[in-house]
C-alpha atoms as a PDB file:
ATOM      1  CA  MET A   1       0.000  -0.025  -0.028  1.00  0.00           C
ATOM      2  CA  ALA A   2       1.360   3.389  -0.913  1.00  0.00           C
ATOM      3  CA  TYR A   3      -0.968   5.515   1.214  1.00  0.00           C
ATOM      4  CA  LYS A   4      -2.487   5.142   4.707  1.00  0.00           C
ATOM      5  CA  ARG A   5      -4.782   8.166   4.532  1.00  0.00           C
ATOM      6  CA  ILE A   6      -6.300   9.702   1.462  1.00  0.00           C
ATOM      7  CA  LEU A   7      -8.425  12.785   0.654  1.00  0.00           C
ATOM      8  CA  LEU A   8     -10.629  12.092  -2.494  1.00  0.00           C
ATOM      9  CA  LYS A   9     -11.938  15.122  -4.366  1.00  0.00           C
ATOM     10  CA  LEU A  10     -15.083  14.464  -6.402  1.00  0.00           C
ATOM     11  CA  SER A  11     -16.664  17.020  -8.745  1.00  0.00           C
ATOM     12  CA  GLY A  12     -20.411  17.523  -8.473  1.00  0.00           C
ATOM     13  CA  GLU A  13     -20.784  16.556 -12.048  1.00  0.00           C
ATOM     14  CA  SER A  14     -19.193  13.185 -11.364  1.00  0.00           C
ATOM     15  CA  LEU A  15     -22.208  12.276  -9.187  1.00  0.00           C
ATOM     16  CA  MET A  16     -24.411  12.576 -12.274  1.00  0.00           C
ATOM     17  CA  GLY A  17     -22.708   9.667 -13.992  1.00  0.00           C
ATOM     18  CA  ASN A  18     -24.789   8.889 -17.090  1.00  0.00           C
ATOM     19  CA  SER A  19     -28.111   9.939 -15.630  1.00  0.00           C
ATOM     20  CA  ASP A  20     -30.271  12.888 -16.622  1.00  0.00           C
ATOM     21  CA  GLY A  21     -30.746  13.845 -12.837  1.00  0.00           C
ATOM     22  CA  LEU A  22     -28.541  15.015 -10.134  1.00  0.00           C
ATOM     23  CA  TYR A  23     -27.300  11.607  -9.093  1.00  0.00           C
ATOM     24  CA  ASP A  24     -26.513   8.324 -10.700  1.00  0.00           C
ATOM     25  CA  GLN A  25     -27.101   5.739  -7.989  1.00  0.00           C
ATOM     26  CA  ASP A  26     -25.329   2.897  -9.938  1.00  0.00           C
ATOM     27  CA  PHE A  27     -22.251   5.217 -10.352  1.00  0.00           C
ATOM     28  CA  LEU A  28     -22.406   6.152  -6.741  1.00  0.00           C
ATOM     29  CA  ALA A  29     -22.495   2.457  -5.794  1.00  0.00           C
ATOM     30  CA  ARG A  30     -19.305   2.004  -7.816  1.00  0.00           C
ATOM     31  CA  ILE A  31     -17.575   4.699  -5.938  1.00  0.00           C
ATOM     32  CA  ALA A  32     -18.793   3.239  -2.641  1.00  0.00           C
ATOM     33  CA  GLY A  33     -17.551  -0.220  -3.631  1.00  0.00           C
ATOM     34  CA  GLN A  34     -13.949   1.045  -4.255  1.00  0.00           C
ATOM     35  CA  LEU A  35     -13.974   3.041  -1.006  1.00  0.00           C
ATOM     36  CA  LYS A  36     -15.176   0.065   0.898  1.00  0.00           C
ATOM     37  CA  ALA A  37     -12.269  -2.012  -0.574  1.00  0.00           C
ATOM     38  CA  CYS A  38      -9.917   0.816   0.504  1.00  0.00           C
ATOM     39  CA  ARG A  39     -11.365   0.718   4.105  1.00  0.00           C
ATOM     40  CA  GLU A  40     -11.072  -3.025   4.289  1.00  0.00           C
ATOM     41  CA  GLU A  41      -7.379  -2.530   3.521  1.00  0.00           C
ATOM     42  CA  GLY A  42      -7.060  -0.142   6.391  1.00  0.00           C
ATOM     43  CA  ILE A  43      -6.858   3.095   4.383  1.00  0.00           C
ATOM     44  CA  GLY A  44      -8.269   6.167   6.170  1.00  0.00           C
ATOM     45  CA  ILE A  45     -10.584   8.178   3.890  1.00  0.00           C
ATOM     46  CA  GLY A  46     -11.713  11.773   3.585  1.00  0.00           C
ATOM     47  CA  VAL A  47     -13.976  12.872   0.670  1.00  0.00           C
ATOM     48  CA  ILE A  48     -14.690  16.412  -0.398  1.00  0.00           C
ATOM     49  CA  VAL A  49     -17.230  17.187  -3.142  1.00  0.00           C
ATOM     50  CA  GLY A  50     -18.123  19.956  -5.423  1.00  0.00           C
ATOM     51  CA  ALA A  51     -21.497  21.132  -6.622  1.00  0.00           C
ATOM     52  CA  GLY A  52     -21.281  21.415 -10.407  1.00  0.00           C
ATOM     53  CA  ASN A  53     -24.373  19.202 -10.719  1.00  0.00           C
ATOM     54  CA  ILE A  54     -26.440  21.803  -8.834  1.00  0.00           C
ATOM     55  CA  TRP A  55     -24.782  25.251  -8.961  1.00  0.00           C
ATOM     56  CA  ARG A  56     -21.468  26.916  -9.606  1.00  0.00           C
ATOM     57  CA  GLY A  57     -20.853  30.432  -8.162  1.00  0.00           C
ATOM     58  CA  ARG A  58     -19.592  31.671 -11.625  1.00  0.00           C
ATOM     59  CA  GLU A  59     -23.009  30.769 -13.114  1.00  0.00           C
ATOM     60  CA  GLY A  60     -24.425  33.805 -11.235  1.00  0.00           C
ATOM     61  CA  LYS A  61     -22.986  36.255 -13.724  1.00  0.00           C
ATOM     62  CA  CYS A  62     -25.152  39.163 -12.727  1.00  0.00           C
ATOM     63  CA  MET A  63     -25.038  38.265  -9.004  1.00  0.00           C
ATOM     64  CA  ASP A  64     -22.757  39.451  -6.204  1.00  0.00           C
ATOM     65  CA  ARG A  65     -19.930  36.905  -6.311  1.00  0.00           C
ATOM     66  CA  CYS A  66     -20.021  36.270  -2.536  1.00  0.00           C
ATOM     67  CA  ARG A  67     -23.726  35.423  -2.580  1.00  0.00           C
ATOM     68  CA  ALA A  68     -23.280  33.296  -5.773  1.00  0.00           C
ATOM     69  CA  ASP A  69     -20.396  31.394  -4.059  1.00  0.00           C
ATOM     70  CA  SER A  70     -22.415  30.912  -0.948  1.00  0.00           C
ATOM     71  CA  MET A  71     -25.045  29.156  -2.898  1.00  0.00           C
ATOM     72  CA  GLY A  72     -22.399  26.900  -4.319  1.00  0.00           C
ATOM     73  CA  MET A  73     -21.042  26.024  -0.981  1.00  0.00           C
ATOM     74  CA  LEU A  74     -24.538  25.197   0.324  1.00  0.00           C
ATOM     75  CA  ALA A  75     -25.092  22.995  -2.708  1.00  0.00           C
ATOM     76  CA  THR A  76     -21.906  21.051  -1.804  1.00  0.00           C
ATOM     77  CA  VAL A  77     -23.519  20.146   1.571  1.00  0.00           C
ATOM     78  CA  ILE A  78     -26.477  18.693  -0.274  1.00  0.00           C
ATOM     79  CA  ASN A  79     -24.054  16.446  -2.232  1.00  0.00           C
ATOM     80  CA  ALA A  80     -22.264  15.509   0.906  1.00  0.00           C
ATOM     81  CA  ILE A  81     -25.484  14.226   2.405  1.00  0.00           C
ATOM     82  CA  ALA A  82     -26.206  12.306  -0.826  1.00  0.00           C
ATOM     83  CA  LEU A  83     -22.738  10.733  -0.597  1.00  0.00           C
ATOM     84  CA  LYS A  84     -23.321   9.747   3.063  1.00  0.00           C
ATOM     85  CA  ASP A  85     -26.575   8.129   2.078  1.00  0.00           C
ATOM     86  CA  ALA A  86     -24.964   6.128  -0.678  1.00  0.00           C
ATOM     87  CA  PHE A  87     -22.045   5.099   1.615  1.00  0.00           C
ATOM     88  CA  LEU A  88     -24.297   4.031   4.407  1.00  0.00           C
ATOM     89  CA  ARG A  89     -26.396   1.893   1.987  1.00  0.00           C
ATOM     90  CA  HIS A  90     -23.346   0.044   0.926  1.00  0.00           C
ATOM     91  CA  GLY A  91     -22.142  -0.855   4.363  1.00  0.00           C
ATOM     92  CA  LEU A  92     -19.774   2.024   5.111  1.00  0.00           C
ATOM     93  CA  GLN A  93     -19.672   4.278   8.083  1.00  0.00           C
ATOM     94  CA  ALA A  94     -19.741   7.923   7.065  1.00  0.00           C
ATOM     95  CA  ARG A  95     -20.061  11.390   8.697  1.00  0.00           C
ATOM     96  CA  VAL A  96     -20.701  14.701   7.139  1.00  0.00           C
ATOM     97  CA  PHE A  97     -18.571  17.711   8.302  1.00  0.00           C
ATOM     98  CA  THR A  98     -19.620  21.204   7.266  1.00  0.00           C
ATOM     99  CA  ALA A  99     -17.340  24.293   6.913  1.00  0.00           C
ATOM    100  CA  THR A 100     -19.879  26.391   8.826  1.00  0.00           C
ATOM    101  CA  SER A 101     -22.128  25.413  11.697  1.00  0.00           C
ATOM    102  CA  MET A 102     -25.154  23.528  10.336  1.00  0.00           C
ATOM    103  CA  PRO A 103     -25.956  21.030  13.013  1.00  0.00           C
ATOM    104  CA  ALA A 104     -29.159  19.696  11.345  1.00  0.00           C
ATOM    105  CA  PHE A 105     -27.075  18.543   8.471  1.00  0.00           C
ATOM    106  CA  GLY A 106     -23.611  17.637   9.681  1.00  0.00           C
ATOM    107  CA  ASP A 107     -20.939  18.129  12.317  1.00  0.00           C
ATOM    108  CA  TYR A 108     -18.956  21.314  12.358  1.00  0.00           C
ATOM    109  CA  PHE A 109     -15.522  20.690  10.862  1.00  0.00           C
ATOM    110  CA  THR A 110     -12.464  20.750  13.043  1.00  0.00           C
ATOM    111  CA  PRO A 111      -9.306  18.883  12.111  1.00  0.00           C
ATOM    112  CA  GLU A 112      -9.388  17.034  15.408  1.00  0.00           C
ATOM    113  CA  ALA A 113     -13.011  15.825  14.879  1.00  0.00           C
ATOM    114  CA  ALA A 114     -12.413  14.762  11.319  1.00  0.00           C
ATOM    115  CA  ILE A 115      -9.272  12.867  12.138  1.00  0.00           C
ATOM    116  CA  ALA A 116     -10.949  11.089  15.013  1.00  0.00           C
ATOM    117  CA  ALA A 117     -13.783  10.017  12.726  1.00  0.00           C
ATOM    118  CA  ILE A 118     -11.236   8.644  10.236  1.00  0.00           C
ATOM    119  CA  GLU A 119      -9.333   6.814  12.818  1.00  0.00           C
ATOM    120  CA  LYS A 120     -12.630   5.177  13.966  1.00  0.00           C
ATOM    121  CA  GLY A 121     -13.058   3.795  10.344  1.00  0.00           C
ATOM    122  CA  GLU A 122     -15.619   6.420   9.280  1.00  0.00           C
ATOM    123  CA  ILE A 123     -15.453   8.136   5.903  1.00  0.00           C
ATOM    124  CA  ALA A 124     -15.230  11.882   6.653  1.00  0.00           C
ATOM    125  CA  ILE A 125     -17.256  13.752   4.062  1.00  0.00           C
ATOM    126  CA  PHE A 126     -16.576  17.443   3.778  1.00  0.00           C
ATOM    127  CA  GLY A 127     -19.214  19.930   2.628  1.00  0.00           C
ATOM    128  CA  GLY A 128     -19.370  23.642   2.416  1.00  0.00           C
ATOM    129  CA  GLY A 129     -16.007  24.103   0.640  1.00  0.00           C
ATOM    130  CA  SER A 130     -13.698  26.300   2.590  1.00  0.00           C
ATOM    131  CA  SER A 131     -16.636  28.446   3.779  1.00  0.00           C
ATOM    132  CA  GLN A 132     -15.028  31.399   1.904  1.00  0.00           C
ATOM    133  CA  ALA A 133     -16.083  32.949  -1.478  1.00  0.00           C
ATOM    134  CA  PHE A 134     -13.595  33.260  -4.269  1.00  0.00           C
ATOM    135  CA  PHE A 135     -11.993  29.853  -3.344  1.00  0.00           C
ATOM    136  CA  SER A 136     -12.625  26.763  -5.459  1.00  0.00           C
ATOM    137  CA  THR A 137     -13.447  23.238  -4.091  1.00  0.00           C
ATOM    138  CA  ASP A 138     -10.012  22.248  -5.493  1.00  0.00           C
ATOM    139  CA  THR A 139      -8.549  24.791  -3.035  1.00  0.00           C
ATOM    140  CA  ALA A 140     -10.764  23.537  -0.242  1.00  0.00           C
ATOM    141  CA  ALA A 141      -9.636  19.979  -1.037  1.00  0.00           C
ATOM    142  CA  SER A 142      -5.883  20.934  -0.710  1.00  0.00           C
ATOM    143  CA  LEU A 143      -6.683  22.655   2.568  1.00  0.00           C
ATOM    144  CA  ARG A 144      -8.569  19.655   4.115  1.00  0.00           C
ATOM    145  CA  ALA A 145      -5.860  17.330   2.879  1.00  0.00           C
ATOM    146  CA  ALA A 146      -3.295  19.256   4.961  1.00  0.00           C
ATOM    147  CA  GLN A 147      -5.649  19.564   7.912  1.00  0.00           C
ATOM    148  CA  ILE A 148      -6.392  15.840   8.185  1.00  0.00           C
ATOM    149  CA  LYS A 149      -2.780  14.935   7.395  1.00  0.00           C
ATOM    150  CA  ALA A 150      -3.513  13.003   4.306  1.00  0.00           C
ATOM    151  CA  ASP A 151      -0.693  11.180   2.582  1.00  0.00           C
ATOM    152  CA  VAL A 152      -2.091  12.201  -0.950  1.00  0.00           C
ATOM    153  CA  LEU A 153      -4.920  14.060  -2.518  1.00  0.00           C
ATOM    154  CA  LEU A 154      -6.745  12.062  -5.188  1.00  0.00           C
ATOM    155  CA  MET A 155      -8.405  14.400  -7.611  1.00  0.00           C
ATOM    156  CA  ALA A 156     -10.919  12.480  -9.731  1.00  0.00           C
ATOM    157  CA  LYS A 157     -11.462  14.135 -13.112  1.00  0.00           C
ATOM    158  CA  ASN A 158     -13.371  13.690 -16.260  1.00  0.00           C
ATOM    159  CA  ILE A 159     -10.152  13.290 -18.188  1.00  0.00           C
ATOM    160  CA  ASP A 160      -7.290  10.849 -17.586  1.00  0.00           C
ATOM    161  CA  GLY A 161      -4.637  13.283 -16.338  1.00  0.00           C
ATOM    162  CA  ILE A 162      -2.993  16.621 -16.969  1.00  0.00           C
ATOM    163  CA  TYR A 163      -2.077  17.851 -20.423  1.00  0.00           C
ATOM    164  CA  ASP A 164       0.091  20.786 -21.656  1.00  0.00           C
ATOM    165  CA  ARG A 165      -3.058  22.070 -23.489  1.00  0.00           C
ATOM    166  CA  ASP A 166      -6.728  21.394 -23.639  1.00  0.00           C
ATOM    167  CA  PRO A 167      -7.044  17.915 -25.128  1.00  0.00           C
ATOM    168  CA  ASN A 168     -10.623  18.877 -26.291  1.00  0.00           C
ATOM    169  CA  GLY A 169      -9.562  22.152 -27.753  1.00  0.00           C
ATOM    170  CA  GLU A 170      -8.969  23.154 -31.429  1.00  0.00           C
ATOM    171  CA  ASP A 171      -5.324  21.806 -31.227  1.00  0.00           C
ATOM    172  CA  GLY A 172      -6.205  19.032 -28.837  1.00  0.00           C
ATOM    173  CA  HIS A 173      -4.564  16.499 -31.209  1.00  0.00           C
ATOM    174  CA  LEU A 174      -1.258  18.081 -30.206  1.00  0.00           C
ATOM    175  CA  ALA A 175      -1.847  17.710 -26.489  1.00  0.00           C
ATOM    176  CA  GLN A 176       0.765  15.837 -24.522  1.00  0.00           C
ATOM    177  CA  LYS A 177      -0.129  14.244 -21.278  1.00  0.00           C
ATOM    178  CA  TYR A 178       2.221  14.675 -18.268  1.00  0.00           C
ATOM    179  CA  GLU A 179       3.107  11.561 -16.303  1.00  0.00           C
ATOM    180  CA  SER A 180       4.092  13.904 -13.533  1.00  0.00           C
ATOM    181  CA  VAL A 181       4.263  17.604 -13.138  1.00  0.00           C
ATOM    182  CA  SER A 182       5.266  19.688 -10.191  1.00  0.00           C
ATOM    183  CA  CYS A 183       3.162  22.257  -8.360  1.00  0.00           C
ATOM    184  CA  THR A 184       5.849  24.827  -9.065  1.00  0.00           C
ATOM    185  CA  ARG A 185       5.441  24.322 -12.785  1.00  0.00           C
ATOM    186  CA  ILE A 186       1.642  24.397 -12.600  1.00  0.00           C
ATOM    187  CA  VAL A 187       1.782  27.778 -10.876  1.00  0.00           C
ATOM    188  CA  ALA A 188       4.705  29.153 -13.056  1.00  0.00           C
ATOM    189  CA  GLU A 189       3.066  28.145 -16.344  1.00  0.00           C
ATOM    190  CA  LYS A 190      -0.451  28.689 -15.223  1.00  0.00           C
ATOM    191  CA  LEU A 191      -1.508  25.270 -16.244  1.00  0.00           C
ATOM    192  CA  ARG A 192      -5.278  24.904 -15.853  1.00  0.00           C
ATOM    193  CA  ALA A 193      -5.022  21.429 -14.562  1.00  0.00           C
ATOM    194  CA  ILE A 194      -6.076  22.343 -11.001  1.00  0.00           C
ATOM    195  CA  ASP A 195      -6.837  25.688  -9.505  1.00  0.00           C
ATOM    196  CA  LEU A 196      -3.530  27.644  -9.057  1.00  0.00           C
ATOM    197  CA  THR A 197      -4.370  28.387  -5.368  1.00  0.00           C
ATOM    198  CA  SER A 198      -4.790  24.656  -4.774  1.00  0.00           C
ATOM    199  CA  ALA A 199      -1.419  24.006  -6.352  1.00  0.00           C
ATOM    200  CA  ALA A 200       0.144  26.625  -4.192  1.00  0.00           C
ATOM    201  CA  LEU A 201      -1.382  25.074  -1.013  1.00  0.00           C
ATOM    202  CA  ASN A 202      -0.007  21.583  -2.085  1.00  0.00           C
ATOM    203  CA  LEU A 203       3.387  23.110  -2.631  1.00  0.00           C
ATOM    204  CA  GLU A 204       3.223  24.621   0.874  1.00  0.00           C
ATOM    205  CA  SER A 205       1.905  21.484   2.633  1.00  0.00           C
ATOM    206  CA  GLY A 206       4.226  19.102   0.738  1.00  0.00           C
ATOM    207  CA  ILE A 207       1.275  16.817   0.020  1.00  0.00           C
ATOM    208  CA  PRO A 208       1.373  15.113  -3.558  1.00  0.00           C
ATOM    209  CA  ALA A 209      -1.696  14.808  -5.689  1.00  0.00           C
ATOM    210  CA  VAL A 210      -2.888  12.444  -8.374  1.00  0.00           C
ATOM    211  CA  ALA A 211      -5.224  13.621 -11.171  1.00  0.00           C
ATOM    212  CA  PHE A 212      -6.992  10.756 -12.862  1.00  0.00           C
ATOM    213  CA  ALA A 213     -10.161   9.781 -14.774  1.00  0.00           C
ATOM    214  CA  LEU A 214     -12.899   8.660 -12.379  1.00  0.00           C
ATOM    215  CA  GLU A 215     -14.692   6.649 -14.978  1.00  0.00           C
ATOM    216  CA  GLU A 216     -11.733   4.324 -15.449  1.00  0.00           C
ATOM    217  CA  GLU A 217     -12.316   0.941 -13.858  1.00  0.00           C
ATOM    218  CA  ASN A 218     -11.294   0.857 -10.137  1.00  0.00           C
ATOM    219  CA  SER A 219      -9.388   4.124 -10.700  1.00  0.00           C
ATOM    220  CA  ILE A 220      -9.836   5.296  -7.011  1.00  0.00           C
ATOM    221  CA  LEU A 221      -8.565   2.012  -5.651  1.00  0.00           C
ATOM    222  CA  ARG A 222      -5.769   1.917  -8.072  1.00  0.00           C
ATOM    223  CA  ALA A 223      -4.786   5.427  -7.200  1.00  0.00           C
ATOM    224  CA  ALA A 224      -4.941   4.661  -3.439  1.00  0.00           C
ATOM    225  CA  HIS A 225      -2.658   1.730  -4.077  1.00  0.00           C
ATOM    226  CA  GLY A 226      -0.160   4.005  -5.670  1.00  0.00           C
ATOM    227  CA  GLU A 227      -0.452   2.612  -9.219  1.00  0.00           C
ATOM    228  CA  LYS A 228       0.837   4.550 -12.076  1.00  0.00           C
ATOM    229  CA  ILE A 229      -2.440   6.216 -13.145  1.00  0.00           C
ATOM    230  CA  GLY A 230      -3.187   9.651 -14.435  1.00  0.00           C
ATOM    231  CA  THR A 231      -0.762  12.312 -13.590  1.00  0.00           C
ATOM    232  CA  ILE A 232       1.237  12.633 -10.388  1.00  0.00           C
ATOM    233  CA  ILE A 233       1.409  16.205  -9.069  1.00  0.00           C
ATOM    234  CA  THR A 234       4.595  16.538  -7.145  1.00  0.00           C
ATOM    235  CA  ALA A 235       4.774  18.917  -4.286  1.00  0.00           C
ATOM    236  CA  ASP A 236       8.175  20.485  -5.157  1.00  0.00           C
END
């Protein structure tokens, strides 16, 4: 085993899978199955989720940015509860932690409480982002990874890694995939693989990340095992 404690970042869109609704229950079941296998191998797990299936702050073009981002952070709590439900139905113990006090929906996040839950074998699910406007869920993921002392940040994406240019763009046929790339390079070259603030936090914390395609078979389990999958983001 390469990692003893992981922080998995899921996008809100990933929860939709191939369905027309907000959630694809079969897809959530596959995620739960991989996390169950990780738990059975003794891996401690935290999960943070975005809200692109419901609302993104940048969609509120005519809105005040802080209010638009607040809506997005609330939407991530909805997704966190949906994940908890899926995990419990598949035999996992899970607890939702929220970035602001919302006792009816989850426990208020503190690093100590989250680490204690993980050490008890529960999956700690983080909703509410960082609680601050202008910061992406990628950035919140890097923050939570440092706070729970994760060995690695697993960033499940809709593409199979990080490229030197948009593989879906006009010159996508020229795109070259990185097997590994440093946080320093991401920031210096402004690679849009992950949020630049997230990369800077990973650089500061020294926690590596792995960007990989969620839809690949057993990709979460393989990444948690330290297999060569996706792109390694080194913290140097």
